[in-house]
Protein backbone atom coordinates (compact mmCIF):
# COMPACT_ATOMS: atom_id res chain seq x y z
CA MET A 1 16.57 11.54 -11.00
CA ALA A 2 15.72 7.94 -10.08
CA ILE A 3 15.92 6.71 -6.51
CA LEU A 4 19.16 4.71 -6.41
CA ASN A 5 20.90 2.63 -3.71
CA SER A 6 17.74 2.87 -1.62
CA LEU A 7 15.69 0.57 0.59
CA ILE A 8 12.13 1.34 1.64
CA VAL A 9 11.27 -0.38 4.94
CA ILE A 10 7.56 -1.07 5.43
CA PRO A 11 6.33 -2.79 8.62
CA THR A 12 3.09 -4.72 8.28
CA PHE A 13 0.48 -6.28 10.51
CA ASN A 14 -2.78 -7.28 8.82
CA GLU A 15 -2.23 -5.15 5.71
CA VAL A 16 -3.26 -7.66 3.03
CA ASP A 17 -5.84 -5.20 1.64
CA ASN A 18 -3.19 -2.52 1.09
CA ILE A 19 0.16 -4.18 0.42
CA GLY A 20 -0.91 -5.82 -2.85
CA LYS A 21 -1.66 -2.37 -4.29
CA LEU A 22 1.13 -0.41 -2.61
CA ILE A 23 4.09 -2.49 -3.78
CA PRO A 24 3.26 -2.32 -7.54
CA GLU A 25 2.67 1.43 -7.24
CA ILE A 26 6.05 1.97 -5.58
CA PHE A 27 7.87 0.02 -8.29
CA SER A 28 5.92 1.70 -11.09
CA LEU A 29 7.19 5.06 -9.84
CA GLN A 30 10.61 3.97 -8.60
CA PRO A 31 11.75 0.84 -10.47
CA GLU A 32 15.31 1.10 -9.13
CA ALA A 33 14.30 1.14 -5.47
CA HIS A 34 14.22 -1.93 -3.23
CA VAL A 35 11.49 -2.69 -0.68
CA LEU A 36 11.73 -4.66 2.57
CA ILE A 37 8.48 -5.81 4.19
CA VAL A 38 8.87 -6.58 7.90
CA ASP A 39 5.77 -8.58 8.81
CA ASP A 40 4.83 -9.32 12.40
CA ASP A 41 3.09 -12.66 11.87
CA SER A 42 -0.03 -11.19 10.25
CA PRO A 43 -2.90 -13.69 10.51
CA ASP A 44 -4.61 -12.22 7.43
CA GLY A 45 -2.06 -13.58 4.95
CA THR A 46 -0.06 -10.41 4.31
CA ALA A 47 3.23 -12.33 4.21
CA ASN A 48 1.86 -14.97 1.83
CA LEU A 49 0.78 -12.26 -0.60
CA VAL A 50 4.24 -10.66 -0.47
CA ILE A 51 5.82 -14.06 -1.18
CA GLU A 52 3.66 -14.35 -4.29
CA MET A 53 4.63 -10.84 -5.39
CA GLN A 54 8.33 -11.63 -5.01
CA LYS A 55 8.02 -13.70 -8.19
CA GLN A 56 7.09 -10.53 -10.09
CA PHE A 57 9.63 -8.31 -8.35
CA ALA A 58 12.52 -10.72 -7.90
CA GLY A 59 15.71 -9.19 -6.56
CA LYS A 60 14.11 -6.01 -5.27
CA LEU A 61 11.21 -7.08 -3.03
CA PHE A 62 12.27 -8.69 0.24
CA LEU A 63 10.34 -10.13 3.16
CA GLU A 64 11.34 -10.76 6.76
CA GLN A 65 8.80 -12.48 9.00
CA ARG A 66 8.90 -12.08 12.77
CA THR A 67 7.09 -14.05 15.43
CA GLY A 68 4.25 -12.19 17.12
CA LYS A 69 3.33 -8.52 17.10
CA GLN A 70 6.51 -6.83 18.36
CA GLY A 71 5.76 -3.19 17.65
CA LEU A 72 6.44 -0.52 15.06
CA GLY A 73 9.72 0.70 16.51
CA THR A 74 11.32 -2.72 16.69
CA ALA A 75 10.21 -3.44 13.12
CA TYR A 76 11.97 -0.33 11.87
CA ILE A 77 15.10 -1.04 13.92
CA PHE A 78 15.12 -4.53 12.40
CA GLY A 79 14.78 -3.03 8.92
CA PHE A 80 17.48 -0.41 9.53
CA THR A 81 19.90 -3.07 10.74
CA TRP A 82 19.07 -5.22 7.71
CA ALA A 83 19.79 -2.26 5.42
CA LEU A 84 23.10 -1.40 7.11
CA GLN A 85 24.29 -4.97 6.61
CA ARG A 86 23.88 -4.40 2.87
CA HIS A 87 24.89 -1.72 0.36
CA TYR A 88 22.04 0.77 0.75
CA GLN A 89 22.97 4.45 1.03
CA PHE A 90 19.44 5.79 1.60
CA ILE A 91 16.92 4.09 3.89
CA PHE A 92 13.24 5.05 4.00
CA GLU A 93 10.52 4.30 6.50
CA MET A 94 6.95 4.27 5.20
CA ASP A 95 3.49 3.11 6.28
CA ALA A 96 1.71 0.31 4.45
CA ASP A 97 -1.75 1.89 4.42
CA PHE A 98 -1.36 4.56 1.68
CA SER A 99 -1.32 7.39 4.23
CA HIS A 100 2.12 8.06 2.73
CA SER A 101 1.91 8.51 -1.03
CA PRO A 102 4.62 6.74 -3.04
CA LYS A 103 4.67 9.87 -5.23
CA ALA A 104 6.42 11.72 -2.37
CA LEU A 105 9.37 9.29 -2.24
CA GLN A 106 11.20 11.31 -4.89
CA SER A 107 11.02 14.56 -2.91
CA LEU A 108 12.33 12.89 0.24
CA TYR A 109 15.16 11.29 -1.72
CA ASP A 110 16.10 14.54 -3.48
CA ALA A 111 16.34 16.37 -0.15
CA CYS A 112 19.09 13.96 0.94
CA ALA A 113 20.74 12.85 -2.31
CA VAL A 114 20.65 16.19 -4.16
CA LYS A 115 20.26 18.96 -1.58
CA GLY A 116 22.66 17.50 0.97
CA TYR A 117 20.42 16.95 3.99
CA ASP A 118 21.09 13.96 6.24
CA MET A 119 17.45 13.18 6.99
CA SER A 120 14.23 14.25 5.31
CA ILE A 121 10.75 14.09 6.81
CA GLY A 122 7.42 13.97 5.01
CA SER A 123 5.69 16.71 6.99
CA ARG A 124 2.02 17.52 7.44
CA TYR A 125 2.70 20.74 9.32
CA VAL A 126 5.04 22.81 7.14
CA LYS A 127 3.84 25.12 4.38
CA GLY A 128 2.27 23.00 1.63
CA GLY A 129 1.59 20.01 3.88
CA ARG A 130 -1.92 18.91 4.81
CA VAL A 131 -4.06 16.14 6.25
CA LEU A 132 -7.08 14.60 4.50
CA ASN A 133 -9.94 12.52 5.93
CA TRP A 134 -8.95 12.84 9.57
CA PRO A 135 -11.57 14.04 12.07
CA ALA A 136 -10.79 17.50 13.46
CA ASP A 137 -10.09 16.22 16.97
CA ARG A 138 -7.42 13.83 15.70
CA VAL A 139 -5.76 16.54 13.62
CA LEU A 140 -5.66 18.83 16.65
CA MET A 141 -4.30 16.04 18.88
CA SER A 142 -1.52 15.28 16.39
CA TYR A 143 -0.66 18.95 15.81
CA TYR A 144 -0.52 19.86 19.49
CA ALA A 145 1.44 16.70 20.26
CA SER A 146 4.14 18.06 17.94
CA VAL A 147 3.94 21.46 19.67
CA TYR A 148 4.38 19.71 23.03
CA VAL A 149 7.40 17.78 21.76
CA ARG A 150 9.05 20.95 20.47
CA LEU A 151 8.51 22.70 23.80
CA ILE A 152 10.12 19.85 25.73
CA THR A 153 12.97 19.00 23.36
CA TRP A 154 13.68 22.33 21.59
CA MET A 155 13.82 20.29 18.41
CA PRO A 156 13.25 22.42 15.25
CA VAL A 157 10.88 19.92 13.60
CA GLN A 158 7.23 20.76 12.96
CA ASP A 159 5.93 17.20 12.44
CA THR A 160 7.71 15.30 15.19
CA THR A 161 5.54 12.16 14.98
CA ALA A 162 5.81 11.81 11.19
CA GLY A 163 6.52 8.29 9.97
CA PHE A 164 7.54 9.01 6.37
CA VAL A 165 11.30 9.53 6.51
CA CYS A 166 14.47 9.17 4.44
CA TYR A 167 17.82 8.67 6.19
CA LYS A 168 21.28 8.81 4.78
CA ARG A 169 23.20 5.71 5.73
CA SER A 170 25.58 7.77 7.88
CA VAL A 171 22.73 8.76 10.23
CA LEU A 172 21.76 5.18 11.04
CA GLU A 173 25.42 4.18 11.30
CA THR A 174 26.03 6.91 13.88
CA ILE A 175 22.94 6.43 16.06
CA ASP A 176 23.23 3.63 18.58
CA LEU A 177 19.99 1.88 17.66
CA ASP A 178 20.16 -0.17 20.86
CA LYS A 179 19.50 3.07 22.77
CA ILE A 180 16.20 3.71 20.96
CA LYS A 181 13.73 2.50 23.57
CA PHE A 182 10.25 3.37 22.34
CA ILE A 183 8.16 1.13 20.10
CA GLY A 184 5.06 3.20 19.27
CA TYR A 185 4.70 6.77 18.02
CA ALA A 186 7.36 7.87 20.50
CA PHE A 187 9.80 5.90 18.35
CA GLN A 188 9.32 8.44 15.57
CA ILE A 189 10.02 11.29 17.99
CA GLU A 190 13.08 9.59 19.48
CA MET A 191 14.71 8.91 16.11
CA LYS A 192 14.33 12.56 15.10
CA TYR A 193 15.61 13.71 18.48
CA ALA A 194 18.64 11.41 18.23
CA ALA A 195 19.50 12.73 14.77
CA HIS A 196 19.03 16.33 15.91
CA THR A 197 21.18 15.99 19.04
CA LEU A 198 23.95 14.39 16.96
CA GLY A 199 24.02 17.41 14.67
CA PHE A 200 22.55 15.95 11.49
CA LYS A 201 20.85 18.30 9.02
CA ILE A 202 17.09 17.67 8.85
CA LYS A 203 14.71 18.86 6.13
CA GLU A 204 10.91 18.75 6.28
CA VAL A 205 9.24 18.14 2.91
CA PRO A 206 5.52 18.96 2.64
CA ILE A 207 3.23 15.99 1.98
CA THR A 208 -0.48 15.31 1.86
CA PHE A 209 -1.27 12.74 4.53
CA VAL A 210 -4.37 10.67 3.79
CA ASP A 211 -6.11 8.53 6.40
CA ARG A 212 -6.27 4.83 5.62
CA VAL A 213 -9.20 3.47 3.64
CA GLU A 214 -8.53 -0.25 4.05
CA GLY A 215 -7.68 -2.04 7.27
CA SER A 216 -7.73 -0.71 10.82
CA SER A 217 -5.60 1.88 12.59
CA LYS A 218 -2.90 0.70 15.01
CA MET A 219 -3.29 3.82 17.21
CA SER A 220 -4.19 3.17 20.86
CA ARG A 221 -4.30 5.07 24.14
CA GLY A 222 -1.24 3.16 25.30
CA ILE A 223 0.76 4.33 22.29
CA PHE A 224 -0.32 7.94 22.84
CA LYS A 225 0.54 7.74 26.54
CA GLU A 226 3.98 6.36 25.66
CA ALA A 227 4.58 9.38 23.45
CA VAL A 228 3.52 11.94 26.09
CA ILE A 229 5.48 10.43 28.98
CA GLY A 230 8.28 9.11 26.80
CA VAL A 231 9.25 12.58 25.61
CA LEU A 232 9.91 13.67 29.19
CA LYS A 233 11.99 10.56 29.89
CA MET A 234 13.88 10.98 26.63
CA ARG A 235 14.72 14.62 27.34
CA TRP A 236 15.84 13.85 30.89
CA SER A 237 18.07 10.92 29.89
CA SER A 238 19.72 12.99 27.15
CA PHE A 239 21.39 15.15 29.84
CA SER A 240 23.49 12.19 30.95
CA SER A 241 23.97 10.11 27.80
CA SER A 242 24.34 10.41 24.03
CA TYR A 243 22.71 8.51 21.19
CA ARG A 244 26.08 8.27 19.46
CA LYS A 245 27.35 4.75 18.85
CA SER A 246 30.50 4.05 20.81
CA ALA A 247 33.69 3.48 18.84
CA PRO A 248 34.84 -0.15 19.02
CA ALA A 249 37.50 -0.71 21.61
CA HIS A 250 41.02 -1.30 20.29
CA THR A 251 42.69 -4.44 21.49
CA ALA A 252 46.42 -4.92 21.81
CA ALA A 253 48.07 -7.14 19.27
């Protein structure tokens, strides 16, 4: 079953070594899908390469360029909003560095389009999932970060920081995206938490996560600190407010 009515949102910053290989691979596997690149003013020419590739993939490869490096979370929110303004029924988020294999797009799509889940997650930490080429200390840090998140939030998701996700349109229409406050890895946690608290059905699909070969990692101590402290703030604020988008007020005729 081909991926239909779908947009794959890929944020980029200095990914010229990866994006020129990733985009053709996605379209070779999923020719009916559309891809949106959200580039944060990459000085390495990432956007220029995408512009060249748009000639080959006209009508299904799109580019939005933003000024300055604004962060992963804001790039995805931008992409989600862009998708909701159009006809897409399934919206993916995916890294540009080949840590997320395009071959797994089909499984994520099937979980939502065929099996009836509202959100599917490419998971490293469910049965069948694994991590390649990461040092042991980073694997342990990531795994126990997810354990920590589950303890604080009671969220039944094994890979809470995963960044390979498929959403049904209804999920992103229901979540008030203006209330998503985190921009680093905590963004991934907050989106899952918002969907969970609003009662959406979530499915984890096992994937093989491979560390990047080209380019440099965007991980930093500040991003990790945001995730650790942000989870506590997120859990506390959820007692007094909801992530549900408010219904528009009715005005008298």
